[in-house]
Amino acid sequence: MSTALAVATVAMGAFTQAAEAALFNFSYTLENGDVFSGMLEGEVQGDNDTVFVSALTMPMFNGSPHPDIPFLVSLTTRFGGSSAPPTVSFSGTLMDFCANDEPNCTGDEGILFDTVVQFLGGPIVGTGVAAGFVSEPYNPANWSLTPKSVPEPLTILGAGAAIGFGTAFKRKLAQKEVKQG
């Protein structure tokens, strides 16, 4: 019984943090139909639309792995002179984000969304070499950001408890068979 409780407690503790993590699947469809996608980690702001992005992982281009793009910067910080976090929004209306293979968005690989600084004269989306080195007007209708589903803590707790009880029951049954044998 104590094993079951220990397993359930560990499972709940480990997965409660995961359930609170803000993970999102994103995709953007370029004018030519190509799709850039991946996963973002970030923090949803009080307006329930804006997300301050802290990481981009598993970048994909047309369903195939894209080179890693670990460096993030807001274009406001990069070109505007003031400090701001890399930002995207569920609605796609507020986009101030560059992910790149080099710091400060200076490398050949990455993706950027600019609806704030508009350093090229208007809202744009741009990709690096592996995604065709595209620069085109940004269209919020082509943007998708959805929460990544994470198991609920109670679901994990229940599964952990079931495994723990099953293990404890199996041990007692084995002990009983040894005594009878």
C-alpha atoms as a PDB file:
ATOM      1  CA  MET A   1       0.000   0.000   0.000  1.00  0.00           C
ATOM      2  CA  SER A   2       2.800   2.422   0.828  1.00  0.00           C
ATOM      3  CA  THR A   3       4.352   1.638  -2.564  1.00  0.00           C
ATOM      4  CA  ALA A   4       1.130   2.650  -4.268  1.00  0.00           C
ATOM      5  CA  LEU A   5       1.012   5.931  -2.373  1.00  0.00           C
ATOM      6  CA  ALA A   6       4.652   6.660  -3.140  1.00  0.00           C
ATOM      7  CA  VAL A   7       4.131   5.990  -6.859  1.00  0.00           C
ATOM      8  CA  ALA A   8       0.993   8.146  -6.938  1.00  0.00           C
ATOM      9  CA  THR A   9       2.684  10.983  -5.052  1.00  0.00           C
ATOM     10  CA  VAL A  10       5.715  10.973  -7.336  1.00  0.00           C
ATOM     11  CA  ALA A  11       3.510  10.808 -10.437  1.00  0.00           C
ATOM     12  CA  MET A  12       1.387  13.719  -9.281  1.00  0.00           C
ATOM     13  CA  GLY A  13       4.404  15.825  -8.339  1.00  0.00           C
ATOM     14  CA  ALA A  14       6.184  15.176 -11.631  1.00  0.00           C
ATOM     15  CA  PHE A  15       3.199  15.801 -13.838  1.00  0.00           C
ATOM     16  CA  THR A  16       1.637  18.733 -11.993  1.00  0.00           C
ATOM     17  CA  GLN A  17       4.503  20.870 -13.251  1.00  0.00           C
ATOM     18  CA  ALA A  18       4.052  19.507 -16.784  1.00  0.00           C
ATOM     19  CA  ALA A  19       0.341  20.341 -16.694  1.00  0.00           C
ATOM     20  CA  GLU A  20       1.189  23.910 -15.711  1.00  0.00           C
ATOM     21  CA  ALA A  21       3.781  24.287 -18.458  1.00  0.00           C
ATOM     22  CA  ALA A  22       2.586  26.498 -21.266  1.00  0.00           C
ATOM     23  CA  LEU A  23       3.279  24.461 -24.385  1.00  0.00           C
ATOM     24  CA  PHE A  24       1.748  25.315 -27.739  1.00  0.00           C
ATOM     25  CA  ASN A  25       1.717  23.841 -31.219  1.00  0.00           C
ATOM     26  CA  PHE A  26       2.086  26.482 -33.907  1.00  0.00           C
ATOM     27  CA  SER A  27       1.966  26.593 -37.674  1.00  0.00           C
ATOM     28  CA  TYR A  28       2.093  29.219 -40.371  1.00  0.00           C
ATOM     29  CA  THR A  29       1.112  28.582 -43.982  1.00  0.00           C
ATOM     30  CA  LEU A  30       3.096  30.639 -46.481  1.00  0.00           C
ATOM     31  CA  GLU A  31       1.462  32.064 -49.626  1.00  0.00           C
ATOM     32  CA  ASN A  32       2.877  29.195 -51.723  1.00  0.00           C
ATOM     33  CA  GLY A  33       1.263  26.588 -49.395  1.00  0.00           C
ATOM     34  CA  ASP A  34       4.457  25.615 -47.561  1.00  0.00           C
ATOM     35  CA  VAL A  35       3.966  25.154 -43.822  1.00  0.00           C
ATOM     36  CA  PHE A  36       6.382  26.079 -41.037  1.00  0.00           C
ATOM     37  CA  SER A  37       5.430  24.514 -37.694  1.00  0.00           C
ATOM     38  CA  GLY A  38       6.727  23.400 -34.330  1.00  0.00           C
ATOM     39  CA  MET A  39       6.221  23.814 -30.638  1.00  0.00           C
ATOM     40  CA  LEU A  40       6.519  26.972 -28.544  1.00  0.00           C
ATOM     41  CA  GLU A  41       6.953  27.238 -24.812  1.00  0.00           C
ATOM     42  CA  GLY A  42       5.770  30.411 -23.200  1.00  0.00           C
ATOM     43  CA  GLU A  43       3.616  32.255 -20.743  1.00  0.00           C
ATOM     44  CA  VAL A  44       0.082  33.382 -21.580  1.00  0.00           C
ATOM     45  CA  GLN A  45      -0.506  36.966 -20.482  1.00  0.00           C
ATOM     46  CA  GLY A  46      -3.541  38.439 -18.715  1.00  0.00           C
ATOM     47  CA  ASP A  47      -5.327  39.277 -21.972  1.00  0.00           C
ATOM     48  CA  ASN A  48      -5.488  35.500 -22.756  1.00  0.00           C
ATOM     49  CA  ASP A  49      -4.229  36.272 -26.280  1.00  0.00           C
ATOM     50  CA  THR A  50      -0.584  37.302 -25.906  1.00  0.00           C
ATOM     51  CA  VAL A  51       2.145  34.717 -25.252  1.00  0.00           C
ATOM     52  CA  PHE A  52       5.679  35.646 -24.173  1.00  0.00           C
ATOM     53  CA  VAL A  53       7.793  32.947 -25.842  1.00  0.00           C
ATOM     54  CA  SER A  54      10.716  31.339 -24.008  1.00  0.00           C
ATOM     55  CA  ALA A  55      11.580  28.468 -26.391  1.00  0.00           C
ATOM     56  CA  LEU A  56      10.882  27.068 -29.834  1.00  0.00           C
ATOM     57  CA  THR A  57      11.376  23.332 -30.270  1.00  0.00           C
ATOM     58  CA  MET A  58      10.861  20.716 -32.953  1.00  0.00           C
ATOM     59  CA  PRO A  59      10.743  23.114 -35.899  1.00  0.00           C
ATOM     60  CA  MET A  60       9.313  21.511 -39.036  1.00  0.00           C
ATOM     61  CA  PHE A  61       9.034  22.651 -42.637  1.00  0.00           C
ATOM     62  CA  ASN A  62       6.387  20.863 -44.702  1.00  0.00           C
ATOM     63  CA  GLY A  63       6.338  18.072 -42.126  1.00  0.00           C
ATOM     64  CA  SER A  64      10.098  17.440 -42.212  1.00  0.00           C
ATOM     65  CA  PRO A  65      12.519  18.367 -39.436  1.00  0.00           C
ATOM     66  CA  HIS A  66      14.007  21.836 -39.818  1.00  0.00           C
ATOM     67  CA  PRO A  67      17.458  22.771 -38.453  1.00  0.00           C
ATOM     68  CA  ASP A  68      17.396  23.857 -34.797  1.00  0.00           C
ATOM     69  CA  ILE A  69      16.683  27.531 -34.175  1.00  0.00           C
ATOM     70  CA  PRO A  70      17.419  28.006 -30.466  1.00  0.00           C
ATOM     71  CA  PHE A  71      17.906  31.771 -30.218  1.00  0.00           C
ATOM     72  CA  LEU A  72      14.849  33.964 -29.625  1.00  0.00           C
ATOM     73  CA  VAL A  73      14.565  37.725 -29.735  1.00  0.00           C
ATOM     74  CA  SER A  74      11.788  40.243 -30.175  1.00  0.00           C
ATOM     75  CA  LEU A  75      12.134  42.462 -33.213  1.00  0.00           C
ATOM     76  CA  THR A  76      11.369  45.424 -30.947  1.00  0.00           C
ATOM     77  CA  THR A  77      14.554  44.569 -29.048  1.00  0.00           C
ATOM     78  CA  ARG A  78      16.543  43.784 -32.199  1.00  0.00           C
ATOM     79  CA  PHE A  79      15.533  46.757 -34.362  1.00  0.00           C
ATOM     80  CA  GLY A  80      13.498  49.099 -32.171  1.00  0.00           C
ATOM     81  CA  GLY A  81      16.015  49.744 -29.430  1.00  0.00           C
ATOM     82  CA  SER A  82      13.786  48.992 -26.439  1.00  0.00           C
ATOM     83  CA  SER A  83      13.660  45.720 -24.550  1.00  0.00           C
ATOM     84  CA  ALA A  84      10.679  43.427 -25.076  1.00  0.00           C
ATOM     85  CA  PRO A  85      10.092  39.689 -24.808  1.00  0.00           C
ATOM     86  CA  PRO A  86       9.616  37.593 -27.971  1.00  0.00           C
ATOM     87  CA  THR A  87       5.842  37.626 -28.417  1.00  0.00           C
ATOM     88  CA  VAL A  88       3.146  35.850 -30.422  1.00  0.00           C
ATOM     89  CA  SER A  89      -0.622  35.833 -30.000  1.00  0.00           C
ATOM     90  CA  PHE A  90      -3.395  33.311 -30.439  1.00  0.00           C
ATOM     91  CA  SER A  91      -5.238  35.749 -32.717  1.00  0.00           C
ATOM     92  CA  GLY A  92      -2.093  36.397 -34.747  1.00  0.00           C
ATOM     93  CA  THR A  93      -2.525  40.161 -34.476  1.00  0.00           C
ATOM     94  CA  LEU A  94       0.450  40.788 -32.172  1.00  0.00           C
ATOM     95  CA  MET A  95       3.622  39.151 -33.507  1.00  0.00           C
ATOM     96  CA  ASP A  96       7.069  40.340 -32.387  1.00  0.00           C
ATOM     97  CA  PHE A  97       9.200  37.247 -32.676  1.00  0.00           C
ATOM     98  CA  CYS A  98      12.351  35.946 -34.315  1.00  0.00           C
ATOM     99  CA  ALA A  99      13.766  32.449 -33.782  1.00  0.00           C
ATOM    100  CA  ASN A 100      17.175  31.938 -35.350  1.00  0.00           C
ATOM    101  CA  ASP A 101      20.272  29.756 -35.394  1.00  0.00           C
ATOM    102  CA  GLU A 102      22.376  32.752 -34.284  1.00  0.00           C
ATOM    103  CA  PRO A 103      21.855  35.335 -31.511  1.00  0.00           C
ATOM    104  CA  ASN A 104      20.020  38.553 -32.416  1.00  0.00           C
ATOM    105  CA  CYS A 105      18.366  37.013 -35.473  1.00  0.00           C
ATOM    106  CA  THR A 106      21.554  37.251 -37.572  1.00  0.00           C
ATOM    107  CA  GLY A 107      21.878  33.666 -38.902  1.00  0.00           C
ATOM    108  CA  ASP A 108      20.680  31.890 -42.031  1.00  0.00           C
ATOM    109  CA  GLU A 109      18.070  29.644 -40.399  1.00  0.00           C
ATOM    110  CA  GLY A 110      14.914  30.659 -38.623  1.00  0.00           C
ATOM    111  CA  ILE A 111      11.562  32.325 -38.809  1.00  0.00           C
ATOM    112  CA  LEU A 112      10.332  35.784 -37.891  1.00  0.00           C
ATOM    113  CA  PHE A 113       6.956  37.420 -37.478  1.00  0.00           C
ATOM    114  CA  ASP A 114       6.762  41.212 -37.385  1.00  0.00           C
ATOM    115  CA  THR A 115       3.529  43.131 -36.863  1.00  0.00           C
ATOM    116  CA  VAL A 116       5.021  45.641 -34.399  1.00  0.00           C
ATOM    117  CA  VAL A 117       8.293  47.156 -35.652  1.00  0.00           C
ATOM    118  CA  GLN A 118       7.494  46.633 -39.353  1.00  0.00           C
ATOM    119  CA  PHE A 119      11.145  47.241 -40.208  1.00  0.00           C
ATOM    120  CA  LEU A 120      10.454  46.344 -43.857  1.00  0.00           C
ATOM    121  CA  GLY A 121       7.501  48.700 -44.185  1.00  0.00           C
ATOM    122  CA  GLY A 122       4.639  46.453 -43.117  1.00  0.00           C
ATOM    123  CA  PRO A 123       3.704  43.266 -41.285  1.00  0.00           C
ATOM    124  CA  ILE A 124       5.906  40.434 -42.581  1.00  0.00           C
ATOM    125  CA  VAL A 125       6.811  36.813 -42.079  1.00  0.00           C
ATOM    126  CA  GLY A 126      10.244  35.601 -43.079  1.00  0.00           C
ATOM    127  CA  THR A 127      12.012  32.244 -43.167  1.00  0.00           C
ATOM    128  CA  GLY A 128      15.613  31.123 -43.447  1.00  0.00           C
ATOM    129  CA  VAL A 129      17.400  29.196 -46.166  1.00  0.00           C
ATOM    130  CA  ALA A 130      16.056  25.711 -45.293  1.00  0.00           C
ATOM    131  CA  ALA A 131      12.487  27.020 -45.643  1.00  0.00           C
ATOM    132  CA  GLY A 132      13.101  28.777 -48.956  1.00  0.00           C
ATOM    133  CA  PHE A 133      14.319  32.147 -47.662  1.00  0.00           C
ATOM    134  CA  VAL A 134      10.822  33.638 -47.936  1.00  0.00           C
ATOM    135  CA  SER A 135       9.827  37.195 -47.051  1.00  0.00           C
ATOM    136  CA  GLU A 136       6.179  38.048 -47.626  1.00  0.00           C
ATOM    137  CA  PRO A 137       3.329  40.061 -46.120  1.00  0.00           C
ATOM    138  CA  TYR A 138       2.152  38.493 -42.879  1.00  0.00           C
ATOM    139  CA  ASN A 139      -1.429  37.179 -42.871  1.00  0.00           C
ATOM    140  CA  PRO A 140      -2.908  36.393 -39.420  1.00  0.00           C
ATOM    141  CA  ALA A 141      -5.396  33.999 -41.078  1.00  0.00           C
ATOM    142  CA  ASN A 142      -2.443  31.721 -41.935  1.00  0.00           C
ATOM    143  CA  TRP A 143      -1.304  31.509 -38.272  1.00  0.00           C
ATOM    144  CA  SER A 144      -2.373  28.829 -35.816  1.00  0.00           C
ATOM    145  CA  LEU A 145      -1.415  28.576 -32.146  1.00  0.00           C
ATOM    146  CA  THR A 146      -3.066  25.902 -30.023  1.00  0.00           C
ATOM    147  CA  PRO A 147      -2.339  24.659 -26.520  1.00  0.00           C
ATOM    148  CA  LYS A 148      -0.503  21.353 -26.510  1.00  0.00           C
ATOM    149  CA  SER A 149      -2.555  18.849 -24.573  1.00  0.00           C
ATOM    150  CA  VAL A 150      -0.927  17.728 -21.350  1.00  0.00           C
ATOM    151  CA  PRO A 151      -2.408  14.965 -19.158  1.00  0.00           C
ATOM    152  CA  GLU A 152      -4.400  16.265 -16.214  1.00  0.00           C
ATOM    153  CA  PRO A 153      -2.709  15.704 -12.832  1.00  0.00           C
ATOM    154  CA  LEU A 154      -5.674  13.680 -11.539  1.00  0.00           C
ATOM    155  CA  THR A 155      -5.481  11.377 -14.568  1.00  0.00           C
ATOM    156  CA  ILE A 156      -1.798  10.785 -13.882  1.00  0.00           C
ATOM    157  CA  LEU A 157      -2.496  10.347 -10.157  1.00  0.00           C
ATOM    158  CA  GLY A 158      -5.206   7.781 -10.901  1.00  0.00           C
ATOM    159  CA  ALA A 159      -2.965   5.853 -13.296  1.00  0.00           C
ATOM    160  CA  GLY A 160      -0.111   5.915 -10.770  1.00  0.00           C
ATOM    161  CA  ALA A 161      -2.405   4.713  -7.987  1.00  0.00           C
ATOM    162  CA  ALA A 162      -3.766   1.899 -10.173  1.00  0.00           C
ATOM    163  CA  ILE A 163      -0.259   0.742 -11.033  1.00  0.00           C
ATOM    164  CA  GLY A 164       0.764   0.921  -7.370  1.00  0.00           C
ATOM    165  CA  PHE A 165      -2.283  -1.012  -6.166  1.00  0.00           C
ATOM    166  CA  GLY A 166      -1.817  -3.589  -8.925  1.00  0.00           C
ATOM    167  CA  THR A 167       1.830  -4.091  -7.973  1.00  0.00           C
ATOM    168  CA  ALA A 168       0.984  -4.401  -4.266  1.00  0.00           C
ATOM    169  CA  PHE A 169      -1.840  -6.859  -4.996  1.00  0.00           C
ATOM    170  CA  LYS A 170       0.418  -8.946  -7.256  1.00  0.00           C
ATOM    171  CA  ARG A 171       3.086  -9.141  -4.509  1.00  0.00           C
ATOM    172  CA  LYS A 172       0.546 -10.232  -1.888  1.00  0.00           C
ATOM    173  CA  LEU A 173      -0.826 -12.864  -4.259  1.00  0.00           C
ATOM    174  CA  ALA A 174       2.697 -14.147  -4.978  1.00  0.00           C
ATOM    175  CA  GLN A 175       3.463 -14.298  -1.219  1.00  0.00           C
ATOM    176  CA  LYS A 176       0.219 -16.190  -0.597  1.00  0.00           C
ATOM    177  CA  GLU A 177       1.049 -18.742  -3.339  1.00  0.00           C
ATOM    178  CA  VAL A 178       4.548 -19.278  -1.874  1.00  0.00           C
ATOM    179  CA  LYS A 179       3.065 -19.957   1.599  1.00  0.00           C
ATOM    180  CA  GLN A 180       0.493 -22.393   0.154  1.00  0.00           C
ATOM    181  CA  GLY A 181       3.050 -24.131  -2.137  1.00  0.00           C
END
